Amino acid sequence: MLSVFKSIPTHMDYKGQKLAEQIFQGVILVSAVIGFIYGLFIQQFGWTVYIMLAGFALSCLLTLPPWPVYRKNPLTWQPPLPETPGENREKPQENLKKKKHK
């Protein structure tokens, strides 16, 4: 049963994240404008809130799951460098911190 959940992809690439953000903002903006206009027309602020909540729910449904459209541009990572046993493991920034100023 657990292997079924592990087989579900849970990542997005960077362009997919940008697309998801644009879709989220667009749906929220459109629902806000529609809700405001409709609420103003019928003089009921509650309908404005309901339409905004529906837009929020729709945008969450479209952007929160990692749909395949958000995974079209995967990154190709460089292979890791092999470690050599005599190599100094300190970072260059740590060497600068150890110097004492006079």
C-alpha atoms as a PDB file:
ATOM      1  CA  MET A   1       0.000   0.000   0.000  1.00  0.00           C
ATOM      2  CA  LEU A   2       2.824   2.411   0.843  1.00  0.00           C
ATOM      3  CA  SER A   3       4.548   1.732  -2.491  1.00  0.00           C
ATOM      4  CA  VAL A   4       1.483   3.103  -4.307  1.00  0.00           C
ATOM      5  CA  PHE A   5       1.954   6.461  -2.575  1.00  0.00           C
ATOM      6  CA  LYS A   6       5.702   6.481  -3.249  1.00  0.00           C
ATOM      7  CA  SER A   7       5.106   6.002  -6.981  1.00  0.00           C
ATOM      8  CA  ILE A   8       3.143   9.275  -7.227  1.00  0.00           C
ATOM      9  CA  PRO A   9       5.431  12.089  -8.435  1.00  0.00           C
ATOM     10  CA  THR A  10       5.508  15.026  -6.025  1.00  0.00           C
ATOM     11  CA  HIS A  11       7.798  17.533  -7.729  1.00  0.00           C
ATOM     12  CA  MET A  12       7.596  20.431 -10.174  1.00  0.00           C
ATOM     13  CA  ASP A  13      10.361  21.991 -12.186  1.00  0.00           C
ATOM     14  CA  TYR A  14      11.151  25.697 -12.017  1.00  0.00           C
ATOM     15  CA  LYS A  15       9.190  26.620 -15.132  1.00  0.00           C
ATOM     16  CA  GLY A  16       6.271  24.589 -13.813  1.00  0.00           C
ATOM     17  CA  GLN A  17       6.386  26.516 -10.546  1.00  0.00           C
ATOM     18  CA  LYS A  18       6.320  29.785 -12.467  1.00  0.00           C
ATOM     19  CA  LEU A  19       3.375  28.585 -14.554  1.00  0.00           C
ATOM     20  CA  ALA A  20       1.504  27.433 -11.446  1.00  0.00           C
ATOM     21  CA  GLU A  21       2.049  30.830  -9.819  1.00  0.00           C
ATOM     22  CA  GLN A  22       0.798  32.648 -12.916  1.00  0.00           C
ATOM     23  CA  ILE A  23      -2.295  30.432 -13.127  1.00  0.00           C
ATOM     24  CA  PHE A  24      -2.986  30.918  -9.411  1.00  0.00           C
ATOM     25  CA  GLN A  25      -2.724  34.695  -9.642  1.00  0.00           C
ATOM     26  CA  GLY A  26      -4.783  34.830 -12.840  1.00  0.00           C
ATOM     27  CA  VAL A  27      -7.646  32.748 -11.462  1.00  0.00           C
ATOM     28  CA  ILE A  28      -7.701  34.749  -8.220  1.00  0.00           C
ATOM     29  CA  LEU A  29      -7.691  38.049 -10.123  1.00  0.00           C
ATOM     30  CA  VAL A  30     -10.447  36.995 -12.529  1.00  0.00           C
ATOM     31  CA  SER A  31     -12.614  35.631  -9.722  1.00  0.00           C
ATOM     32  CA  ALA A  32     -12.100  38.840  -7.720  1.00  0.00           C
ATOM     33  CA  VAL A  33     -13.180  41.022 -10.639  1.00  0.00           C
ATOM     34  CA  ILE A  34     -16.172  38.820 -11.463  1.00  0.00           C
ATOM     35  CA  GLY A  35     -17.165  38.599  -7.799  1.00  0.00           C
ATOM     36  CA  PHE A  36     -16.874  42.349  -7.305  1.00  0.00           C
ATOM     37  CA  ILE A  37     -18.912  43.170 -10.405  1.00  0.00           C
ATOM     38  CA  TYR A  38     -21.596  40.583  -9.629  1.00  0.00           C
ATOM     39  CA  GLY A  39     -21.777  41.613  -5.960  1.00  0.00           C
ATOM     40  CA  LEU A  40     -22.033  45.264  -6.937  1.00  0.00           C
ATOM     41  CA  PHE A  41     -24.758  44.505  -9.489  1.00  0.00           C
ATOM     42  CA  ILE A  42     -27.003  42.580  -7.056  1.00  0.00           C
ATOM     43  CA  GLN A  43     -25.910  44.594  -3.981  1.00  0.00           C
ATOM     44  CA  GLN A  44     -24.829  41.502  -1.998  1.00  0.00           C
ATOM     45  CA  PHE A  45     -21.303  41.407  -0.607  1.00  0.00           C
ATOM     46  CA  GLY A  46     -21.771  37.752   0.344  1.00  0.00           C
ATOM     47  CA  TRP A  47     -21.841  36.707  -3.304  1.00  0.00           C
ATOM     48  CA  THR A  48     -18.541  38.485  -3.846  1.00  0.00           C
ATOM     49  CA  VAL A  49     -17.012  36.405  -1.070  1.00  0.00           C
ATOM     50  CA  TYR A  50     -18.561  33.173  -2.395  1.00  0.00           C
ATOM     51  CA  ILE A  51     -17.205  33.793  -5.894  1.00  0.00           C
ATOM     52  CA  MET A  52     -13.771  34.601  -4.455  1.00  0.00           C
ATOM     53  CA  LEU A  53     -13.796  31.387  -2.427  1.00  0.00           C
ATOM     54  CA  ALA A  54     -14.834  29.406  -5.508  1.00  0.00           C
ATOM     55  CA  GLY A  55     -11.943  30.989  -7.450  1.00  0.00           C
ATOM     56  CA  PHE A  56      -9.558  30.154  -4.645  1.00  0.00           C
ATOM     57  CA  ALA A  57     -10.744  26.535  -4.584  1.00  0.00           C
ATOM     58  CA  LEU A  58     -10.417  26.283  -8.379  1.00  0.00           C
ATOM     59  CA  SER A  59      -6.926  27.764  -8.341  1.00  0.00           C
ATOM     60  CA  CYS A  60      -5.878  25.357  -5.589  1.00  0.00           C
ATOM     61  CA  LEU A  61      -7.218  22.430  -7.605  1.00  0.00           C
ATOM     62  CA  LEU A  62      -5.307  23.603 -10.677  1.00  0.00           C
ATOM     63  CA  THR A  63      -1.989  24.458  -9.042  1.00  0.00           C
ATOM     64  CA  LEU A  64      -1.375  22.447  -5.871  1.00  0.00           C
ATOM     65  CA  PRO A  65      -1.219  18.905  -7.298  1.00  0.00           C
ATOM     66  CA  PRO A  66       1.935  18.328  -9.372  1.00  0.00           C
ATOM     67  CA  TRP A  67       0.140  17.834 -12.687  1.00  0.00           C
ATOM     68  CA  PRO A  68       2.286  16.600 -15.616  1.00  0.00           C
ATOM     69  CA  VAL A  69       2.085  20.026 -17.267  1.00  0.00           C
ATOM     70  CA  TYR A  70       4.293  21.341 -14.439  1.00  0.00           C
ATOM     71  CA  ARG A  71       7.006  18.697 -15.031  1.00  0.00           C
ATOM     72  CA  LYS A  72       7.852  19.233 -18.697  1.00  0.00           C
ATOM     73  CA  ASN A  73      11.275  20.855 -18.210  1.00  0.00           C
ATOM     74  CA  PRO A  74      13.315  18.771 -15.745  1.00  0.00           C
ATOM     75  CA  LEU A  75      16.764  19.939 -14.738  1.00  0.00           C
ATOM     76  CA  THR A  76      19.792  17.890 -15.706  1.00  0.00           C
ATOM     77  CA  TRP A  77      22.139  17.814 -12.742  1.00  0.00           C
ATOM     78  CA  GLN A  78      25.871  17.348 -13.024  1.00  0.00           C
ATOM     79  CA  PRO A  79      27.191  14.092 -11.628  1.00  0.00           C
ATOM     80  CA  PRO A  80      28.854  14.411  -8.206  1.00  0.00           C
ATOM     81  CA  LEU A  81      32.618  14.741  -8.083  1.00  0.00           C
ATOM     82  CA  PRO A  82      34.464  11.762  -6.632  1.00  0.00           C
ATOM     83  CA  GLU A  83      35.989  12.426  -3.213  1.00  0.00           C
ATOM     84  CA  THR A  84      39.741  12.174  -2.803  1.00  0.00           C
ATOM     85  CA  PRO A  85      40.993  11.070   0.619  1.00  0.00           C
ATOM     86  CA  GLY A  86      43.652  13.793   1.102  1.00  0.00           C
ATOM     87  CA  GLU A  87      41.457  16.692   0.088  1.00  0.00           C
ATOM     88  CA  ASN A  88      40.898  19.591   2.496  1.00  0.00           C
ATOM     89  CA  ARG A  89      37.199  19.536   3.461  1.00  0.00           C
ATOM     90  CA  GLU A  90      37.023  23.133   4.748  1.00  0.00           C
ATOM     91  CA  LYS A  91      35.139  25.738   2.795  1.00  0.00           C
ATOM     92  CA  PRO A  92      36.979  28.875   1.628  1.00  0.00           C
ATOM     93  CA  GLN A  93      34.707  31.064   3.770  1.00  0.00           C
ATOM     94  CA  GLU A  94      35.791  29.185   6.899  1.00  0.00           C
ATOM     95  CA  ASN A  95      39.450  29.870   6.107  1.00  0.00           C
ATOM     96  CA  LEU A  96      38.751  33.598   6.025  1.00  0.00           C
ATOM     97  CA  LYS A  97      37.063  33.497   9.426  1.00  0.00           C
ATOM     98  CA  LYS A  98      40.092  31.876  11.074  1.00  0.00           C
ATOM     99  CA  LYS A  99      42.435  34.773  10.249  1.00  0.00           C
ATOM    100  CA  LYS A 100      43.073  37.101  13.145  1.00  0.00           C
ATOM    101  CA  HIS A 101      43.228  40.787  12.442  1.00  0.00           C
ATOM    102  CA  LYS A 102      45.944  42.875  14.070  1.00  0.00           C
END
